[in-house]
């Protein structure tokens, strides 16, 4: 069972995220009232996103070890990242050779597209290019007392 809901009771709202699948069980909840800051709502949603993101690849029917091997061919961490590394890696990501390699994992056109998205994220993150906001970053932002008002 996977359940994500926002429920309104009286004047209070809340976020509830529950999953029970085999040995995996997670619950994330938050009561929302007039004093709840938007940044706190963003933080729990980011936390849910991280949880889901880590699990998605486990449920996809692809050989993720092979995908990691392809990522290694494109870029394997080695010291300081140079601009040339980024340019070269992006060229490789877009190359027909990589598409052919992905077809070794799946025959499906849609499967290849799914694998490309995952591969792009793996390689970009290896290059130090974040593709998601993580809870540690948002926590540091909150700790510094920042707000998300637009400065004008």
C-alpha atoms as a PDB file:
ATOM      1  CA  UNK A   1       0.000   0.000   0.000  1.00  0.00           C
ATOM      2  CA  UNK A   2       1.298   3.430  -0.920  1.00  0.00           C
ATOM      3  CA  UNK A   3      -0.720   6.393   0.256  1.00  0.00           C
ATOM      4  CA  UNK A   4       0.035  10.108   0.020  1.00  0.00           C
ATOM      5  CA  UNK A   5      -2.747  12.402   1.175  1.00  0.00           C
ATOM      6  CA  UNK A   6      -3.442  15.901   2.287  1.00  0.00           C
ATOM      7  CA  UNK A   7      -6.445  15.910   4.597  1.00  0.00           C
ATOM      8  CA  UNK A   8      -8.419  18.885   5.842  1.00  0.00           C
ATOM      9  CA  UNK A   9      -9.989  18.472   9.288  1.00  0.00           C
ATOM     10  CA  UNK A  10     -11.701  21.535  10.727  1.00  0.00           C
ATOM     11  CA  UNK A  11      -9.177  24.297  10.061  1.00  0.00           C
ATOM     12  CA  UNK A  12      -6.147  21.992  10.237  1.00  0.00           C
ATOM     13  CA  UNK A  13      -4.555  20.313   7.264  1.00  0.00           C
ATOM     14  CA  UNK A  14      -1.913  17.637   7.286  1.00  0.00           C
ATOM     15  CA  UNK A  15       0.411  15.664   5.078  1.00  0.00           C
ATOM     16  CA  UNK A  16       0.558  11.916   5.462  1.00  0.00           C
ATOM     17  CA  UNK A  17       2.864   9.605   3.547  1.00  0.00           C
ATOM     18  CA  UNK A  18       2.705   5.890   4.308  1.00  0.00           C
ATOM     19  CA  UNK A  19       4.185   2.931   2.532  1.00  0.00           C
ATOM     20  CA  UNK A  20       4.224  -0.722   3.469  1.00  0.00           C
ATOM     21  CA  UNK A  21       5.754  -3.005   0.878  1.00  0.00           C
ATOM     22  CA  UNK A  22       7.396  -6.180   2.134  1.00  0.00           C
ATOM     23  CA  UNK A  23       9.940  -5.215   4.784  1.00  0.00           C
ATOM     24  CA  UNK A  24       9.887  -1.582   3.708  1.00  0.00           C
ATOM     25  CA  UNK A  25       7.700   0.543   5.914  1.00  0.00           C
ATOM     26  CA  UNK A  26       7.792   4.324   6.177  1.00  0.00           C
ATOM     27  CA  UNK A  27       5.479   6.940   7.634  1.00  0.00           C
ATOM     28  CA  UNK A  28       5.973  10.685   7.331  1.00  0.00           C
ATOM     29  CA  UNK A  29       3.339  13.006   8.761  1.00  0.00           C
ATOM     30  CA  UNK A  30       2.936  16.685   9.404  1.00  0.00           C
ATOM     31  CA  UNK A  31       0.117  18.693  10.901  1.00  0.00           C
ATOM     32  CA  UNK A  32      -0.410  21.981   9.086  1.00  0.00           C
ATOM     33  CA  UNK A  33      -1.980  24.964  10.779  1.00  0.00           C
ATOM     34  CA  UNK A  34      -1.943  28.727  10.398  1.00  0.00           C
ATOM     35  CA  UNK A  35       1.532  28.874  12.021  1.00  0.00           C
ATOM     36  CA  UNK A  36       3.118  26.298   9.710  1.00  0.00           C
ATOM     37  CA  UNK A  37       5.670  27.870   7.406  1.00  0.00           C
ATOM     38  CA  UNK A  38       5.746  26.977   3.724  1.00  0.00           C
ATOM     39  CA  UNK A  39       9.433  26.084   4.063  1.00  0.00           C
ATOM     40  CA  UNK A  40       8.506  23.410   6.616  1.00  0.00           C
ATOM     41  CA  UNK A  41       5.975  21.950   4.188  1.00  0.00           C
ATOM     42  CA  UNK A  42       8.635  22.028   1.464  1.00  0.00           C
ATOM     43  CA  UNK A  43      11.030  20.197   3.795  1.00  0.00           C
ATOM     44  CA  UNK A  44       8.671  17.268   4.431  1.00  0.00           C
ATOM     45  CA  UNK A  45       7.811  17.053   0.733  1.00  0.00           C
ATOM     46  CA  UNK A  46      11.534  16.955  -0.102  1.00  0.00           C
ATOM     47  CA  UNK A  47      11.970  14.225   2.508  1.00  0.00           C
ATOM     48  CA  UNK A  48       9.156  12.213   0.911  1.00  0.00           C
ATOM     49  CA  UNK A  49      10.683  12.782  -2.531  1.00  0.00           C
ATOM     50  CA  UNK A  50      14.070  11.487  -1.323  1.00  0.00           C
ATOM     51  CA  UNK A  51      12.449   8.386   0.143  1.00  0.00           C
ATOM     52  CA  UNK A  52      10.497   7.655  -3.023  1.00  0.00           C
ATOM     53  CA  UNK A  53      13.439   8.430  -5.294  1.00  0.00           C
ATOM     54  CA  UNK A  54      15.700   5.916  -3.519  1.00  0.00           C
ATOM     55  CA  UNK A  55      13.092   3.187  -3.840  1.00  0.00           C
ATOM     56  CA  UNK A  56      11.937   3.734  -7.416  1.00  0.00           C
ATOM     57  CA  UNK A  57      14.981   2.104  -8.998  1.00  0.00           C
ATOM     58  CA  UNK A  58      14.493  -0.989  -6.831  1.00  0.00           C
ATOM     59  CA  UNK A  59      11.099  -1.563  -8.423  1.00  0.00           C
ATOM     60  CA  UNK A  60      12.072  -0.900 -12.015  1.00  0.00           C
ATOM     61  CA  UNK A  61      12.671  -4.044 -14.102  1.00  0.00           C
ATOM     62  CA  UNK A  62      16.153  -3.044 -15.264  1.00  0.00           C
ATOM     63  CA  UNK A  63      19.676  -4.193 -14.407  1.00  0.00           C
ATOM     64  CA  UNK A  64      20.906  -1.172 -12.466  1.00  0.00           C
ATOM     65  CA  UNK A  65      24.379  -2.700 -12.137  1.00  0.00           C
ATOM     66  CA  UNK A  66      24.738  -2.510 -15.930  1.00  0.00           C
ATOM     67  CA  UNK A  67      23.495   1.064 -15.847  1.00  0.00           C
ATOM     68  CA  UNK A  68      26.176   1.936 -13.274  1.00  0.00           C
ATOM     69  CA  UNK A  69      28.776   0.343 -15.575  1.00  0.00           C
ATOM     70  CA  UNK A  70      27.593   2.566 -18.412  1.00  0.00           C
ATOM     71  CA  UNK A  71      27.809   5.568 -16.077  1.00  0.00           C
ATOM     72  CA  UNK A  72      31.403   4.538 -15.272  1.00  0.00           C
ATOM     73  CA  UNK A  73      32.214   4.621 -18.996  1.00  0.00           C
ATOM     74  CA  UNK A  74      30.838   8.136 -19.239  1.00  0.00           C
ATOM     75  CA  UNK A  75      32.405   9.542 -16.082  1.00  0.00           C
ATOM     76  CA  UNK A  76      33.982   7.927 -13.083  1.00  0.00           C
ATOM     77  CA  UNK A  77      34.861  10.168 -10.154  1.00  0.00           C
ATOM     78  CA  UNK A  78      38.523  11.041 -10.161  1.00  0.00           C
ATOM     79  CA  UNK A  79      39.707  14.152  -8.391  1.00  0.00           C
ATOM     80  CA  UNK A  80      38.757  17.688  -9.228  1.00  0.00           C
ATOM     81  CA  UNK A  81      36.070  18.074 -11.862  1.00  0.00           C
ATOM     82  CA  UNK A  82      37.023  20.257 -14.801  1.00  0.00           C
ATOM     83  CA  UNK A  83      34.712  21.992 -17.253  1.00  0.00           C
ATOM     84  CA  UNK A  84      36.063  19.717 -19.969  1.00  0.00           C
ATOM     85  CA  UNK A  85      34.882  16.695 -17.946  1.00  0.00           C
ATOM     86  CA  UNK A  86      31.366  18.111 -17.892  1.00  0.00           C
ATOM     87  CA  UNK A  87      31.308  18.878 -21.619  1.00  0.00           C
ATOM     88  CA  UNK A  88      32.717  15.459 -22.506  1.00  0.00           C
ATOM     89  CA  UNK A  89      30.288  13.620 -20.237  1.00  0.00           C
ATOM     90  CA  UNK A  90      27.278  15.448 -21.677  1.00  0.00           C
ATOM     91  CA  UNK A  91      28.442  14.642 -25.218  1.00  0.00           C
ATOM     92  CA  UNK A  92      28.694  10.981 -24.240  1.00  0.00           C
ATOM     93  CA  UNK A  93      25.253  11.026 -22.592  1.00  0.00           C
ATOM     94  CA  UNK A  94      23.739  12.227 -25.871  1.00  0.00           C
ATOM     95  CA  UNK A  95      25.697   9.821 -28.072  1.00  0.00           C
ATOM     96  CA  UNK A  96      24.171   6.998 -30.129  1.00  0.00           C
ATOM     97  CA  UNK A  97      26.737   4.658 -28.545  1.00  0.00           C
ATOM     98  CA  UNK A  98      25.161   5.166 -25.120  1.00  0.00           C
ATOM     99  CA  UNK A  99      21.686   4.634 -26.542  1.00  0.00           C
ATOM    100  CA  UNK A 100      22.898   1.331 -28.031  1.00  0.00           C
ATOM    101  CA  UNK A 101      24.357   0.352 -24.657  1.00  0.00           C
ATOM    102  CA  UNK A 102      21.024   1.112 -22.980  1.00  0.00           C
ATOM    103  CA  UNK A 103      19.311  -1.146 -25.515  1.00  0.00           C
ATOM    104  CA  UNK A 104      21.444  -3.972 -24.085  1.00  0.00           C
ATOM    105  CA  UNK A 105      19.438  -3.510 -20.874  1.00  0.00           C
ATOM    106  CA  UNK A 106      15.968  -3.181 -22.477  1.00  0.00           C
ATOM    107  CA  UNK A 107      14.409  -3.542 -25.905  1.00  0.00           C
ATOM    108  CA  UNK A 108      11.653  -1.072 -25.110  1.00  0.00           C
ATOM    109  CA  UNK A 109      11.894   2.486 -26.457  1.00  0.00           C
ATOM    110  CA  UNK A 110      10.208   3.739 -23.294  1.00  0.00           C
ATOM    111  CA  UNK A 111      12.574   1.648 -21.164  1.00  0.00           C
ATOM    112  CA  UNK A 112      15.558   3.269 -22.887  1.00  0.00           C
ATOM    113  CA  UNK A 113      14.069   6.703 -22.142  1.00  0.00           C
ATOM    114  CA  UNK A 114      13.594   5.797 -18.463  1.00  0.00           C
ATOM    115  CA  UNK A 115      17.186   4.552 -18.273  1.00  0.00           C
ATOM    116  CA  UNK A 116      18.442   7.748 -19.941  1.00  0.00           C
ATOM    117  CA  UNK A 117      16.791   9.861 -17.249  1.00  0.00           C
ATOM    118  CA  UNK A 118      18.337   7.773 -14.478  1.00  0.00           C
ATOM    119  CA  UNK A 119      21.728   7.716 -16.224  1.00  0.00           C
ATOM    120  CA  UNK A 120      21.662  11.501 -16.706  1.00  0.00           C
ATOM    121  CA  UNK A 121      21.080  11.981 -12.992  1.00  0.00           C
ATOM    122  CA  UNK A 122      23.813   9.530 -12.004  1.00  0.00           C
ATOM    123  CA  UNK A 123      26.392  11.197 -14.254  1.00  0.00           C
ATOM    124  CA  UNK A 124      25.393  14.782 -13.443  1.00  0.00           C
ATOM    125  CA  UNK A 125      25.588  14.086  -9.717  1.00  0.00           C
ATOM    126  CA  UNK A 126      29.018  12.494 -10.177  1.00  0.00           C
ATOM    127  CA  UNK A 127      30.020  15.732 -11.897  1.00  0.00           C
ATOM    128  CA  UNK A 128      28.891  17.702  -8.860  1.00  0.00           C
ATOM    129  CA  UNK A 129      25.721  18.986 -10.525  1.00  0.00           C
ATOM    130  CA  UNK A 130      22.837  18.501  -8.134  1.00  0.00           C
ATOM    131  CA  UNK A 131      19.575  17.438  -9.710  1.00  0.00           C
ATOM    132  CA  UNK A 132      17.452  17.519  -6.557  1.00  0.00           C
ATOM    133  CA  UNK A 133      17.083  19.532  -3.377  1.00  0.00           C
ATOM    134  CA  UNK A 134      18.003  17.325  -0.452  1.00  0.00           C
ATOM    135  CA  UNK A 135      16.865  17.578   3.157  1.00  0.00           C
ATOM    136  CA  UNK A 136      20.370  18.381   4.423  1.00  0.00           C
ATOM    137  CA  UNK A 137      20.496  21.455   2.190  1.00  0.00           C
ATOM    138  CA  UNK A 138      17.020  22.618   3.164  1.00  0.00           C
ATOM    139  CA  UNK A 139      17.849  22.007   6.851  1.00  0.00           C
ATOM    140  CA  UNK A 140      20.940  24.228   6.573  1.00  0.00           C
ATOM    141  CA  UNK A 141      18.802  26.857   4.868  1.00  0.00           C
ATOM    142  CA  UNK A 142      16.236  26.737   7.691  1.00  0.00           C
ATOM    143  CA  UNK A 143      18.935  26.713  10.413  1.00  0.00           C
ATOM    144  CA  UNK A 144      20.372  29.955   9.082  1.00  0.00           C
ATOM    145  CA  UNK A 145      16.958  31.521   9.565  1.00  0.00           C
ATOM    146  CA  UNK A 146      16.487  32.197   5.898  1.00  0.00           C
ATOM    147  CA  UNK A 147      13.090  32.832   4.423  1.00  0.00           C
ATOM    148  CA  UNK A 148      11.952  32.338   0.894  1.00  0.00           C
ATOM    149  CA  UNK A 149      10.702  35.850   0.289  1.00  0.00           C
ATOM    150  CA  UNK A 150      11.642  37.305  -3.056  1.00  0.00           C
ATOM    151  CA  UNK A 151      14.090  40.153  -2.601  1.00  0.00           C
ATOM    152  CA  UNK A 152      13.131  43.149  -4.652  1.00  0.00           C
END
